[in-house]
Amino acid sequence: MTTKALRFYEAEGLLPSPERAPNGYREYGDETVERLQFIRRGRAAGLNLAQIREILRLRDAGTAPCHHVSALLGAELESLDTQIAELTALRAVVAGFYDTTATADPTTCDAERICSYL
């Protein structure tokens, strides 16, 4: 984790202000490390920082965020399924165009068209 990222997360309220060593360096405890690991896992699962902030807010208020996290992950799965379906459809279109290129003869290209492949 870069210092820039740590400071950003602090400014965004995702991390508490750290203790300072006598030399002024920030000192992070185990709880902050766990929060950082949670943030990384949340980002890896496709959650945005606002969603992660809300989960942390719930936990910090003493509420288990399990149902909230379940709803967020369910919505993320739906979004991913939609994206996969759209990409699968796009792949089929591109594959059809590509297959056309395999049998096409560039010397017979219609000069009136920008490209006969598309």
PDB file of N, CA and C in Angstrom:
ATOM      1  N   MET A   1       0.863  -1.175   0.000  1.00  0.00           N
ATOM      2  CA  MET A   1       0.000   0.000   0.000  1.00  0.00           C
ATOM      3  C   MET A   1       0.902   1.228   0.000  1.00  0.00           C
ATOM      4  N   THR A   2       0.629   2.135  -0.876  1.00  0.00           N
ATOM      5  CA  THR A   2       1.439   3.349  -0.954  1.00  0.00           C
ATOM      6  C   THR A   2       1.000   4.350   0.105  1.00  0.00           C
ATOM      7  N   THR A   3       1.902   5.246   0.445  1.00  0.00           N
ATOM      8  CA  THR A   3       1.556   6.292   1.414  1.00  0.00           C
ATOM      9  C   THR A   3       0.450   7.174   0.844  1.00  0.00           C
ATOM     10  N   LYS A   4       0.473   7.373  -0.461  1.00  0.00           N
ATOM     11  CA  LYS A   4      -0.573   8.179  -1.098  1.00  0.00           C
ATOM     12  C   LYS A   4      -1.937   7.533  -0.893  1.00  0.00           C
ATOM     13  N   ALA A   5      -2.017   6.214  -1.068  1.00  0.00           N
ATOM     14  CA  ALA A   5      -3.276   5.504  -0.880  1.00  0.00           C
ATOM     15  C   ALA A   5      -3.715   5.571   0.581  1.00  0.00           C
ATOM     16  N   LEU A   6      -2.778   5.395   1.502  1.00  0.00           N
ATOM     17  CA  LEU A   6      -3.114   5.476   2.922  1.00  0.00           C
ATOM     18  C   LEU A   6      -3.683   6.841   3.273  1.00  0.00           C
ATOM     19  N   ARG A   7      -3.050   7.867   2.806  1.00  0.00           N
ATOM     20  CA  ARG A   7      -3.526   9.224   3.094  1.00  0.00           C
ATOM     21  C   ARG A   7      -4.879   9.482   2.449  1.00  0.00           C
ATOM     22  N   PHE A   8      -5.070   8.959   1.250  1.00  0.00           N
ATOM     23  CA  PHE A   8      -6.363   9.098   0.581  1.00  0.00           C
ATOM     24  C   PHE A   8      -7.461   8.422   1.405  1.00  0.00           C
ATOM     25  N   TYR A   9      -7.223   7.197   1.853  1.00  0.00           N
ATOM     26  CA  TYR A   9      -8.206   6.483   2.649  1.00  0.00           C
ATOM     27  C   TYR A   9      -8.485   7.205   3.966  1.00  0.00           C
ATOM     28  N   GLU A  10      -7.465   7.801   4.547  1.00  0.00           N
ATOM     29  CA  GLU A  10      -7.666   8.599   5.759  1.00  0.00           C
ATOM     30  C   GLU A  10      -8.558   9.801   5.456  1.00  0.00           C
ATOM     31  N   ALA A  11      -8.245  10.503   4.365  1.00  0.00           N
ATOM     32  CA  ALA A  11      -9.018  11.696   3.993  1.00  0.00           C
ATOM     33  C   ALA A  11     -10.464  11.335   3.661  1.00  0.00           C
ATOM     34  N   GLU A  12     -10.682  10.150   3.120  1.00  0.00           N
ATOM     35  CA  GLU A  12     -12.028   9.699   2.754  1.00  0.00           C
ATOM     36  C   GLU A  12     -12.793   9.120   3.936  1.00  0.00           C
ATOM     37  N   GLY A  13     -12.144   9.044   5.086  1.00  0.00           N
ATOM     38  CA  GLY A  13     -12.810   8.538   6.277  1.00  0.00           C
ATOM     39  C   GLY A  13     -12.875   7.027   6.370  1.00  0.00           C
ATOM     40  N   LEU A  14     -12.119   6.331   5.529  1.00  0.00           N
ATOM     41  CA  LEU A  14     -12.093   4.876   5.582  1.00  0.00           C
ATOM     42  C   LEU A  14     -11.157   4.362   6.662  1.00  0.00           C
ATOM     43  N   LEU A  15     -10.170   5.167   6.996  1.00  0.00           N
ATOM     44  CA  LEU A  15      -9.210   4.821   8.050  1.00  0.00           C
ATOM     45  C   LEU A  15      -9.216   5.911   9.102  1.00  0.00           C
ATOM     46  N   PRO A  16      -9.052   5.513  10.351  1.00  0.00           N
ATOM     47  CA  PRO A  16      -8.935   6.533  11.397  1.00  0.00           C
ATOM     48  C   PRO A  16      -7.586   7.228  11.292  1.00  0.00           C
ATOM     49  N   SER A  17      -7.488   8.406  11.863  1.00  0.00           N
ATOM     50  CA  SER A  17      -6.197   9.094  11.899  1.00  0.00           C
ATOM     51  C   SER A  17      -5.230   8.246  12.711  1.00  0.00           C
ATOM     52  N   PRO A  18      -4.033   8.025  12.193  1.00  0.00           N
ATOM     53  CA  PRO A  18      -3.095   7.137  12.888  1.00  0.00           C
ATOM     54  C   PRO A  18      -2.387   7.851  14.045  1.00  0.00           C
ATOM     55  N   GLU A  19      -1.869   7.028  14.923  1.00  0.00           N
ATOM     56  CA  GLU A  19      -0.995   7.548  15.974  1.00  0.00           C
ATOM     57  C   GLU A  19       0.283   8.033  15.301  1.00  0.00           C
ATOM     58  N   ARG A  20       0.969   8.931  15.986  1.00  0.00           N
ATOM     59  CA  ARG A  20       2.235   9.446  15.446  1.00  0.00           C
ATOM     60  C   ARG A  20       3.383   9.043  16.360  1.00  0.00           C
ATOM     61  N   ALA A  21       4.453   8.610  15.740  1.00  0.00           N
ATOM     62  CA  ALA A  21       5.685   8.316  16.470  1.00  0.00           C
ATOM     63  C   ALA A  21       6.336   9.646  16.845  1.00  0.00           C
ATOM     64  N   PRO A  22       7.279   9.624  17.779  1.00  0.00           N
ATOM     65  CA  PRO A  22       7.964  10.871  18.155  1.00  0.00           C
ATOM     66  C   PRO A  22       8.604  11.595  16.961  1.00  0.00           C
ATOM     67  N   ASN A  23       8.981  10.837  15.940  1.00  0.00           N
ATOM     68  CA  ASN A  23       9.597  11.456  14.760  1.00  0.00           C
ATOM     69  C   ASN A  23       8.543  11.976  13.770  1.00  0.00           C
ATOM     70  N   GLY A  24       7.255  11.816  14.099  1.00  0.00           N
ATOM     71  CA  GLY A  24       6.185  12.323  13.246  1.00  0.00           C
ATOM     72  C   GLY A  24       5.648  11.310  12.256  1.00  0.00           C
ATOM     73  N   TYR A  25       6.275  10.144  12.164  1.00  0.00           N
ATOM     74  CA  TYR A  25       5.810   9.118  11.236  1.00  0.00           C
ATOM     75  C   TYR A  25       4.487   8.535  11.728  1.00  0.00           C
ATOM     76  N   ARG A  26       3.649   8.169  10.768  1.00  0.00           N
ATOM     77  CA  ARG A  26       2.387   7.527  11.111  1.00  0.00           C
ATOM     78  C   ARG A  26       2.671   6.102  11.578  1.00  0.00           C
ATOM     79  N   GLU A  27       1.922   5.675  12.585  1.00  0.00           N
ATOM     80  CA  GLU A  27       2.023   4.301  13.067  1.00  0.00           C
ATOM     81  C   GLU A  27       0.646   3.665  12.984  1.00  0.00           C
ATOM     82  N   TYR A  28       0.578   2.543  12.275  1.00  0.00           N
ATOM     83  CA  TYR A  28      -0.691   1.865  12.065  1.00  0.00           C
ATOM     84  C   TYR A  28      -0.728   0.592  12.890  1.00  0.00           C
ATOM     85  N   GLY A  29      -1.819   0.394  13.583  1.00  0.00           N
ATOM     86  CA  GLY A  29      -2.003  -0.800  14.395  1.00  0.00           C
ATOM     87  C   GLY A  29      -2.662  -1.920  13.613  1.00  0.00           C
ATOM     88  N   ASP A  30      -2.847  -3.040  14.292  1.00  0.00           N
ATOM     89  CA  ASP A  30      -3.447  -4.214  13.664  1.00  0.00           C
ATOM     90  C   ASP A  30      -4.859  -3.936  13.151  1.00  0.00           C
ATOM     91  N   GLU A  31      -5.618  -3.117  13.877  1.00  0.00           N
ATOM     92  CA  GLU A  31      -6.984  -2.805  13.453  1.00  0.00           C
ATOM     93  C   GLU A  31      -6.979  -2.062  12.114  1.00  0.00           C
ATOM     94  N   THR A  32      -6.033  -1.165  11.932  1.00  0.00           N
ATOM     95  CA  THR A  32      -5.935  -0.432  10.658  1.00  0.00           C
ATOM     96  C   THR A  32      -5.515  -1.366   9.531  1.00  0.00           C
ATOM     97  N   VAL A  33      -4.604  -2.276   9.831  1.00  0.00           N
ATOM     98  CA  VAL A  33      -4.180  -3.253   8.819  1.00  0.00           C
ATOM     99  C   VAL A  33      -5.377  -4.106   8.397  1.00  0.00           C
ATOM    100  N   GLU A  34      -6.194  -4.529   9.363  1.00  0.00           N
ATOM    101  CA  GLU A  34      -7.392  -5.314   9.042  1.00  0.00           C
ATOM    102  C   GLU A  34      -8.357  -4.503   8.177  1.00  0.00           C
ATOM    103  N   ARG A  35      -8.524  -3.214   8.490  1.00  0.00           N
ATOM    104  CA  ARG A  35      -9.391  -2.361   7.675  1.00  0.00           C
ATOM    105  C   ARG A  35      -8.856  -2.252   6.252  1.00  0.00           C
ATOM    106  N   LEU A  36      -7.553  -2.108   6.118  1.00  0.00           N
ATOM    107  CA  LEU A  36      -6.948  -2.025   4.784  1.00  0.00           C
ATOM    108  C   LEU A  36      -7.168  -3.327   4.007  1.00  0.00           C
ATOM    109  N   GLN A  37      -7.014  -4.448   4.680  1.00  0.00           N
ATOM    110  CA  GLN A  37      -7.251  -5.732   4.023  1.00  0.00           C
ATOM    111  C   GLN A  37      -8.719  -5.854   3.615  1.00  0.00           C
ATOM    112  N   PHE A  38      -9.604  -5.374   4.474  1.00  0.00           N
ATOM    113  CA  PHE A  38     -11.025  -5.390   4.141  1.00  0.00           C
ATOM    114  C   PHE A  38     -11.304  -4.510   2.918  1.00  0.00           C
ATOM    115  N   ILE A  39     -10.712  -3.327   2.890  1.00  0.00           N
ATOM    116  CA  ILE A  39     -10.897  -2.421   1.750  1.00  0.00           C
ATOM    117  C   ILE A  39     -10.427  -3.099   0.468  1.00  0.00           C
ATOM    118  N   ARG A  40      -9.273  -3.746   0.522  1.00  0.00           N
ATOM    119  CA  ARG A  40      -8.754  -4.441  -0.664  1.00  0.00           C
ATOM    120  C   ARG A  40      -9.694  -5.559  -1.105  1.00  0.00           C
ATOM    121  N   ARG A  41     -10.184  -6.334  -0.149  1.00  0.00           N
ATOM    122  CA  ARG A  41     -11.105  -7.418  -0.507  1.00  0.00           C
ATOM    123  C   ARG A  41     -12.386  -6.850  -1.098  1.00  0.00           C
ATOM    124  N   GLY A  42     -12.878  -5.767  -0.515  1.00  0.00           N
ATOM    125  CA  GLY A  42     -14.078  -5.130  -1.047  1.00  0.00           C
ATOM    126  C   GLY A  42     -13.876  -4.624  -2.462  1.00  0.00           C
ATOM    127  N   ARG A  43     -12.746  -3.985  -2.695  1.00  0.00           N
ATOM    128  CA  ARG A  43     -12.451  -3.489  -4.050  1.00  0.00           C
ATOM    129  C   ARG A  43     -12.310  -4.657  -5.020  1.00  0.00           C
ATOM    130  N   ALA A  44     -11.665  -5.751  -4.579  1.00  0.00           N
ATOM    131  CA  ALA A  44     -11.505  -6.932  -5.436  1.00  0.00           C
ATOM    132  C   ALA A  44     -12.861  -7.549  -5.772  1.00  0.00           C
ATOM    133  N   ALA A  45     -13.840  -7.387  -4.891  1.00  0.00           N
ATOM    134  CA  ALA A  45     -15.189  -7.906  -5.129  1.00  0.00           C
ATOM    135  C   ALA A  45     -16.033  -6.957  -5.964  1.00  0.00           C
ATOM    136  N   GLY A  46     -15.449  -5.822  -6.360  1.00  0.00           N
ATOM    137  CA  GLY A  46     -16.163  -4.885  -7.222  1.00  0.00           C
ATOM    138  C   GLY A  46     -16.904  -3.786  -6.487  1.00  0.00           C
ATOM    139  N   LEU A  47     -16.743  -3.702  -5.176  1.00  0.00           N
ATOM    140  CA  LEU A  47     -17.431  -2.649  -4.434  1.00  0.00           C
ATOM    141  C   LEU A  47     -16.690  -1.330  -4.592  1.00  0.00           C
ATOM    142  N   ASN A  48     -17.439  -0.244  -4.628  1.00  0.00           N
ATOM    143  CA  ASN A  48     -16.799   1.069  -4.723  1.00  0.00           C
ATOM    144  C   ASN A  48     -16.528   1.592  -3.310  1.00  0.00           C
ATOM    145  N   LEU A  49     -15.797   2.676  -3.228  1.00  0.00           N
ATOM    146  CA  LEU A  49     -15.404   3.191  -1.918  1.00  0.00           C
ATOM    147  C   LEU A  49     -16.594   3.669  -1.094  1.00  0.00           C
ATOM    148  N   ALA A  50     -17.616   4.193  -1.737  1.00  0.00           N
ATOM    149  CA  ALA A  50     -18.810   4.616  -0.999  1.00  0.00           C
ATOM    150  C   ALA A  50     -19.483   3.411  -0.343  1.00  0.00           C
ATOM    151  N   GLN A  51     -19.552   2.303  -1.046  1.00  0.00           N
ATOM    152  CA  GLN A  51     -20.152   1.096  -0.485  1.00  0.00           C
ATOM    153  C   GLN A  51     -19.298   0.561   0.668  1.00  0.00           C
ATOM    154  N   ILE A  52     -17.995   0.570   0.486  1.00  0.00           N
ATOM    155  CA  ILE A  52     -17.090   0.111   1.538  1.00  0.00           C
ATOM    156  C   ILE A  52     -17.185   1.028   2.749  1.00  0.00           C
ATOM    157  N   ARG A  53     -17.275   2.313   2.517  1.00  0.00           N
ATOM    158  CA  ARG A  53     -17.414   3.282   3.614  1.00  0.00           C
ATOM    159  C   ARG A  53     -18.681   2.997   4.420  1.00  0.00           C
ATOM    160  N   GLU A  54     -19.778   2.698   3.723  1.00  0.00           N
ATOM    161  CA  GLU A  54     -21.036   2.406   4.403  1.00  0.00           C
ATOM    162  C   GLU A  54     -20.916   1.133   5.251  1.00  0.00           C
ATOM    163  N   ILE A  55     -20.264   0.122   4.727  1.00  0.00           N
ATOM    164  CA  ILE A  55     -20.062  -1.116   5.490  1.00  0.00           C
ATOM    165  C   ILE A  55     -19.245  -0.824   6.748  1.00  0.00           C
ATOM    166  N   LEU A  56     -18.175  -0.068   6.587  1.00  0.00           N
ATOM    167  CA  LEU A  56     -17.340   0.289   7.742  1.00  0.00           C
ATOM    168  C   LEU A  56     -18.126   1.137   8.743  1.00  0.00           C
ATOM    169  N   ARG A  57     -18.956   2.028   8.246  1.00  0.00           N
ATOM    170  CA  ARG A  57     -19.770   2.865   9.135  1.00  0.00           C
ATOM    171  C   ARG A  57     -20.708   2.000   9.967  1.00  0.00           C
ATOM    172  N   LEU A  58     -21.338   1.033   9.313  1.00  0.00           N
ATOM    173  CA  LEU A  58     -22.227   0.136  10.032  1.00  0.00           C
ATOM    174  C   LEU A  58     -21.466  -0.636  11.114  1.00  0.00           C
ATOM    175  N   ARG A  59     -20.312  -1.175  10.738  1.00  0.00           N
ATOM    176  CA  ARG A  59     -19.509  -1.950  11.691  1.00  0.00           C
ATOM    177  C   ARG A  59     -19.044  -1.056  12.841  1.00  0.00           C
ATOM    178  N   ASP A  60     -18.590   0.148  12.524  1.00  0.00           N
ATOM    179  CA  ASP A  60     -18.108   1.066  13.559  1.00  0.00           C
ATOM    180  C   ASP A  60     -19.230   1.479  14.508  1.00  0.00           C
ATOM    181  N   ALA A  61     -20.473   1.462  14.012  1.00  0.00           N
ATOM    182  CA  ALA A  61     -21.625   1.806  14.848  1.00  0.00           C
ATOM    183  C   ALA A  61     -22.094   0.612  15.679  1.00  0.00           C
ATOM    184  N   GLY A  62     -21.412  -0.525  15.509  1.00  0.00           N
ATOM    185  CA  GLY A  62     -21.757  -1.697  16.302  1.00  0.00           C
ATOM    186  C   GLY A  62     -22.759  -2.630  15.641  1.00  0.00           C
ATOM    187  N   THR A  63     -23.080  -2.367  14.395  1.00  0.00           N
ATOM    188  CA  THR A  63     -24.032  -3.200  13.661  1.00  0.00           C
ATOM    189  C   THR A  63     -23.277  -4.147  12.738  1.00  0.00           C
ATOM    190  N   ALA A  64     -23.637  -5.410  12.768  1.00  0.00           N
ATOM    191  CA  ALA A  64     -23.040  -6.367  11.834  1.00  0.00           C
ATOM    192  C   ALA A  64     -23.577  -6.058  10.437  1.00  0.00           C
ATOM    193  N   PRO A  65     -22.707  -5.802   9.478  1.00  0.00           N
ATOM    194  CA  PRO A  65     -23.160  -5.395   8.141  1.00  0.00           C
ATOM    195  C   PRO A  65     -23.465  -6.559   7.200  1.00  0.00           C
ATOM    196  N   CYS A  66     -23.634  -7.749   7.750  1.00  0.00           N
ATOM    197  CA  CYS A  66     -23.762  -8.950   6.916  1.00  0.00           C
ATOM    198  C   CYS A  66     -24.878  -8.865   5.873  1.00  0.00           C
ATOM    199  N   HIS A  67     -26.077  -8.438   6.283  1.00  0.00           N
ATOM    200  CA  HIS A  67     -27.200  -8.362   5.334  1.00  0.00           C
ATOM    201  C   HIS A  67     -26.930  -7.299   4.270  1.00  0.00           C
ATOM    202  N   HIS A  68     -26.341  -6.193   4.691  1.00  0.00           N
ATOM    203  CA  HIS A  68     -26.012  -5.120   3.752  1.00  0.00           C
ATOM    204  C   HIS A  68     -24.979  -5.607   2.737  1.00  0.00           C
ATOM    205  N   VAL A  69     -23.959  -6.298   3.219  1.00  0.00           N
ATOM    206  CA  VAL A  69     -22.916  -6.829   2.327  1.00  0.00           C
ATOM    207  C   VAL A  69     -23.517  -7.855   1.375  1.00  0.00           C
ATOM    208  N   SER A  70     -24.401  -8.701   1.884  1.00  0.00           N
ATOM    209  CA  SER A  70     -25.050  -9.699   1.030  1.00  0.00           C
ATOM    210  C   SER A  70     -25.820  -9.027  -0.103  1.00  0.00           C
ATOM    211  N   ALA A  71     -26.553  -7.960   0.220  1.00  0.00           N
ATOM    212  CA  ALA A  71     -27.312  -7.240  -0.808  1.00  0.00           C
ATOM    213  C   ALA A  71     -26.378  -6.597  -1.829  1.00  0.00           C
ATOM    214  N   LEU A  72     -25.279  -6.014  -1.356  1.00  0.00           N
ATOM    215  CA  LEU A  72     -24.320  -5.395  -2.278  1.00  0.00           C
ATOM    216  C   LEU A  72     -23.692  -6.432  -3.201  1.00  0.00           C
ATOM    217  N   LEU A  73     -23.303  -7.569  -2.627  1.00  0.00           N
ATOM    218  CA  LEU A  73     -22.683  -8.614  -3.446  1.00  0.00           C
ATOM    219  C   LEU A  73     -23.690  -9.206  -4.431  1.00  0.00           C
ATOM    220  N   GLY A  74     -24.942  -9.325  -4.025  1.00  0.00           N
ATOM    221  CA  GLY A  74     -25.978  -9.807  -4.948  1.00  0.00           C
ATOM    222  C   GLY A  74     -26.147  -8.867  -6.129  1.00  0.00           C
ATOM    223  N   ALA A  75     -26.159  -7.574  -5.843  1.00  0.00           N
ATOM    224  CA  ALA A  75     -26.272  -6.580  -6.919  1.00  0.00           C
ATOM    225  C   ALA A  75     -25.042  -6.626  -7.818  1.00  0.00           C
ATOM    226  N   GLU A  76     -23.870  -6.827  -7.231  1.00  0.00           N
ATOM    227  CA  GLU A  76     -22.643  -6.914  -8.033  1.00  0.00           C
ATOM    228  C   GLU A  76     -22.684  -8.153  -8.931  1.00  0.00           C
ATOM    229  N   LEU A  77     -23.182  -9.266  -8.410  1.00  0.00           N
ATOM    230  CA  LEU A  77     -23.316 -10.469  -9.236  1.00  0.00           C
ATOM    231  C   LEU A  77     -24.258 -10.235 -10.412  1.00  0.00           C
ATOM    232  N   GLU A  78     -25.385  -9.578 -10.156  1.00  0.00           N
ATOM    233  CA  GLU A  78     -26.318  -9.266 -11.243  1.00  0.00           C
ATOM    234  C   GLU A  78     -25.653  -8.397 -12.303  1.00  0.00           C
ATOM    235  N   SER A  79     -24.901  -7.405 -11.851  1.00  0.00           N
ATOM    236  CA  SER A  79     -24.201  -6.521 -12.774  1.00  0.00           C
ATOM    237  C   SER A  79     -23.172  -7.298 -13.594  1.00  0.00           C
ATOM    238  N   LEU A  80     -22.432  -8.176 -12.931  1.00  0.00           N
ATOM    239  CA  LEU A  80     -21.438  -8.983 -13.642  1.00  0.00           C
ATOM    240  C   LEU A  80     -22.097  -9.913 -14.653  1.00  0.00           C
ATOM    241  N   ASP A  81     -23.223 -10.521 -14.266  1.00  0.00           N
ATOM    242  CA  ASP A  81     -23.935 -11.399 -15.197  1.00  0.00           C
ATOM    243  C   ASP A  81     -24.403 -10.628 -16.430  1.00  0.00           C
ATOM    244  N   THR A  82     -24.879  -9.404 -16.224  1.00  0.00           N
ATOM    245  CA  THR A  82     -25.295  -8.564 -17.346  1.00  0.00           C
ATOM    246  C   THR A  82     -24.108  -8.244 -18.247  1.00  0.00           C
ATOM    247  N   GLN A  83     -22.996  -7.864 -17.630  1.00  0.00           N
ATOM    248  CA  GLN A  83     -21.797  -7.541 -18.407  1.00  0.00           C
ATOM    249  C   GLN A  83     -21.305  -8.760 -19.189  1.00  0.00           C
ATOM    250  N   ILE A  84     -21.331  -9.923 -18.542  1.00  0.00           N
ATOM    251  CA  ILE A  84     -20.892 -11.149 -19.221  1.00  0.00           C
ATOM    252  C   ILE A  84     -21.797 -11.443 -20.412  1.00  0.00           C
ATOM    253  N   ALA A  85     -23.097 -11.299 -20.234  1.00  0.00           N
ATOM    254  CA  ALA A  85     -24.041 -11.538 -21.338  1.00  0.00           C
ATOM    255  C   ALA A  85     -23.787 -10.562 -22.485  1.00  0.00           C
ATOM    256  N   GLU A  86     -23.565  -9.293 -22.143  1.00  0.00           N
ATOM    257  CA  GLU A  86     -23.290  -8.294 -23.180  1.00  0.00           C
ATOM    258  C   GLU A  86     -21.979  -8.598 -23.902  1.00  0.00           C
ATOM    259  N   LEU A  87     -20.968  -8.995 -23.154  1.00  0.00           N
ATOM    260  CA  LEU A  87     -19.678  -9.328 -23.775  1.00  0.00           C
ATOM    261  C   LEU A  87     -19.778 -10.599 -24.622  1.00  0.00           C
ATOM    262  N   THR A  88     -20.574 -11.551 -24.177  1.00  0.00           N
ATOM    263  CA  THR A  88     -20.772 -12.774 -24.958  1.00  0.00           C
ATOM    264  C   THR A  88     -21.458 -12.449 -26.283  1.00  0.00           C
ATOM    265  N   ALA A  89     -22.450 -11.583 -26.235  1.00  0.00           N
ATOM    266  CA  ALA A  89     -23.135 -11.169 -27.466  1.00  0.00           C
ATOM    267  C   ALA A  89     -22.182 -10.401 -28.378  1.00  0.00           C
ATOM    268  N   LEU A  90     -21.400  -9.513 -27.807  1.00  0.00           N
ATOM    269  CA  LEU A  90     -20.422  -8.761 -28.599  1.00  0.00           C
ATOM    270  C   LEU A  90     -19.394  -9.688 -29.218  1.00  0.00           C
ATOM    271  N   ARG A  91     -18.951 -10.681 -28.456  1.00  0.00           N
ATOM    272  CA  ARG A  91     -17.971 -11.626 -28.980  1.00  0.00           C
ATOM    273  C   ARG A  91     -18.540 -12.368 -30.191  1.00  0.00           C
ATOM    274  N   ALA A  92     -19.808 -12.744 -30.117  1.00  0.00           N
ATOM    275  CA  ALA A  92     -20.434 -13.442 -31.241  1.00  0.00           C
ATOM    276  C   ALA A  92     -20.456 -12.560 -32.485  1.00  0.00           C
ATOM    277  N   VAL A  93     -20.746 -11.278 -32.320  1.00  0.00           N
ATOM    278  CA  VAL A  93     -20.767 -10.343 -33.449  1.00  0.00           C
ATOM    279  C   VAL A  93     -19.365 -10.203 -34.037  1.00  0.00           C
ATOM    280  N   VAL A  94     -18.384  -9.989 -33.177  1.00  0.00           N
ATOM    281  CA  VAL A  94     -17.001  -9.810 -33.651  1.00  0.00           C
ATOM    282  C   VAL A  94     -16.507 -11.096 -34.301  1.00  0.00           C
ATOM    283  N   ALA A  95     -16.835 -12.253 -33.728  1.00  0.00           N
ATOM    284  CA  ALA A  95     -16.420 -13.529 -34.314  1.00  0.00           C
ATOM    285  C   ALA A  95     -17.036 -13.707 -35.704  1.00  0.00           C
ATOM    286  N   GLY A  96     -18.288 -13.271 -35.869  1.00  0.00           N
ATOM    287  CA  GLY A  96     -18.915 -13.348 -37.194  1.00  0.00           C
ATOM    288  C   GLY A  96     -18.187 -12.481 -38.206  1.00  0.00           C
ATOM    289  N   PHE A  97     -17.848 -11.262 -37.807  1.00  0.00           N
ATOM    290  CA  PHE A  97     -17.081 -10.392 -38.705  1.00  0.00           C
ATOM    291  C   PHE A  97     -15.717 -11.002 -39.005  1.00  0.00           C
ATOM    292  N   TYR A  98     -15.086 -11.552 -37.979  1.00  0.00           N
ATOM    293  CA  TYR A  98     -13.750 -12.140 -38.162  1.00  0.00           C
ATOM    294  C   TYR A  98     -13.815 -13.341 -39.105  1.00  0.00           C
ATOM    295  N   ASP A  99     -14.845 -14.172 -38.935  1.00  0.00           N
ATOM    296  CA  ASP A  99     -15.003 -15.324 -39.829  1.00  0.00           C
ATOM    297  C   ASP A  99     -15.132 -14.870 -41.276  1.00  0.00           C
ATOM    298  N   THR A 100     -15.790 -13.746 -41.499  1.00  0.00           N
ATOM    299  CA  THR A 100     -15.917 -13.192 -42.849  1.00  0.00           C
ATOM    300  C   THR A 100     -14.546 -12.867 -43.417  1.00  0.00           C
ATOM    301  N   THR A 101     -13.650 -12.369 -42.573  1.00  0.00           N
ATOM    302  CA  THR A 101     -12.315 -12.011 -43.063  1.00  0.00           C
ATOM    303  C   THR A 101     -11.519 -13.239 -43.486  1.00  0.00           C
ATOM    304  N   ALA A 102     -11.815 -14.388 -42.881  1.00  0.00           N
ATOM    305  CA  ALA A 102     -11.070 -15.603 -43.204  1.00  0.00           C
ATOM    306  C   ALA A 102     -11.354 -16.090 -44.625  1.00  0.00           C
ATOM    307  N   THR A 103     -12.541 -15.809 -45.120  1.00  0.00           N
ATOM    308  CA  THR A 103     -12.910 -16.289 -46.460  1.00  0.00           C
ATOM    309  C   THR A 103     -12.929 -15.175 -47.498  1.00  0.00           C
ATOM    310  N   ALA A 104     -12.720 -13.955 -47.071  1.00  0.00           N
ATOM    311  CA  ALA A 104     -12.803 -12.820 -47.997  1.00  0.00           C
ATOM    312  C   ALA A 104     -11.520 -12.677 -48.809  1.00  0.00           C
ATOM    313  N   ASP A 105     -11.682 -12.114 -49.965  1.00  0.00           N
ATOM    314  CA  ASP A 105     -10.539 -11.820 -50.838  1.00  0.00           C
ATOM    315  C   ASP A 105     -10.428 -10.304 -50.930  1.00  0.00           C
ATOM    316  N   PRO A 106      -9.375  -9.717 -50.340  1.00  0.00           N
ATOM    317  CA  PRO A 106      -9.227  -8.265 -50.342  1.00  0.00           C
ATOM    318  C   PRO A 106      -9.213  -7.649 -51.742  1.00  0.00           C
ATOM    319  N   THR A 107      -8.861  -8.419 -52.750  1.00  0.00           N
ATOM    320  CA  THR A 107      -8.827  -7.875 -54.110  1.00  0.00           C
ATOM    321  C   THR A 107     -10.224  -7.643 -54.666  1.00  0.00           C
ATOM    322  N   THR A 108     -11.219  -8.257 -54.052  1.00  0.00           N
ATOM    323  CA  THR A 108     -12.590  -8.067 -54.512  1.00  0.00           C
ATOM    324  C   THR A 108     -13.357  -7.090 -53.627  1.00  0.00           C
ATOM    325  N   CYS A 109     -12.638  -6.339 -52.823  1.00  0.00           N
ATOM    326  CA  CYS A 109     -13.247  -5.383 -51.917  1.00  0.00           C
ATOM    327  C   CYS A 109     -14.036  -4.340 -52.697  1.00  0.00           C
ATOM    328  N   ASP A 110     -15.243  -4.064 -52.241  1.00  0.00           N
ATOM    329  CA  ASP A 110     -16.106  -3.079 -52.889  1.00  0.00           C
ATOM    330  C   ASP A 110     -15.567  -1.681 -52.605  1.00  0.00           C
ATOM    331  N   ALA A 111     -15.156  -0.982 -53.635  1.00  0.00           N
ATOM    332  CA  ALA A 111     -14.573   0.347 -53.466  1.00  0.00           C
ATOM    333  C   ALA A 111     -15.578   1.382 -52.965  1.00  0.00           C
ATOM    334  N   GLU A 112     -16.852   1.084 -53.062  1.00  0.00           N
ATOM    335  CA  GLU A 112     -17.902   1.987 -52.598  1.00  0.00           C
ATOM    336  C   GLU A 112     -18.108   1.904 -51.071  1.00  0.00           C
ATOM    337  N   ARG A 113     -17.567   0.856 -50.474  1.00  0.00           N
ATOM    338  CA  ARG A 113     -17.724   0.668 -49.033  1.00  0.00           C
ATOM    339  C   ARG A 113     -16.411   1.002 -48.331  1.00  0.00           C
ATOM    340  N   ILE A 114     -16.513   1.457 -47.118  1.00  0.00           N
ATOM    341  CA  ILE A 114     -15.308   1.769 -46.346  1.00  0.00           C
ATOM    342  C   ILE A 114     -14.535   0.488 -46.097  1.00  0.00           C
ATOM    343  N   CYS A 115     -15.238  -0.559 -45.674  1.00  0.00           N
ATOM    344  CA  CYS A 115     -14.594  -1.860 -45.454  1.00  0.00           C
ATOM    345  C   CYS A 115     -15.670  -2.921 -45.626  1.00  0.00           C
ATOM    346  N   SER A 116     -15.386  -3.917 -46.397  1.00  0.00           N
ATOM    347  CA  SER A 116     -16.338  -4.988 -46.661  1.00  0.00           C
ATOM    348  C   SER A 116     -16.489  -5.932 -45.470  1.00  0.00           C
ATOM    349  N   TYR A 117     -15.565  -5.872 -44.547  1.00  0.00           N
ATOM    350  CA  TYR A 117     -15.630  -6.762 -43.389  1.00  0.00           C
ATOM    351  C   TYR A 117     -16.642  -6.313 -42.366  1.00  0.00           C
ATOM    352  N   LEU A 118     -16.974  -5.042 -42.333  1.00  0.00           N
ATOM    353  CA  LEU A 118     -17.911  -4.530 -41.340  1.00  0.00           C
ATOM    354  C   LEU A 118     -19.171  -4.025 -42.025  1.00  0.00           C
TER     355      LEU A 118
END
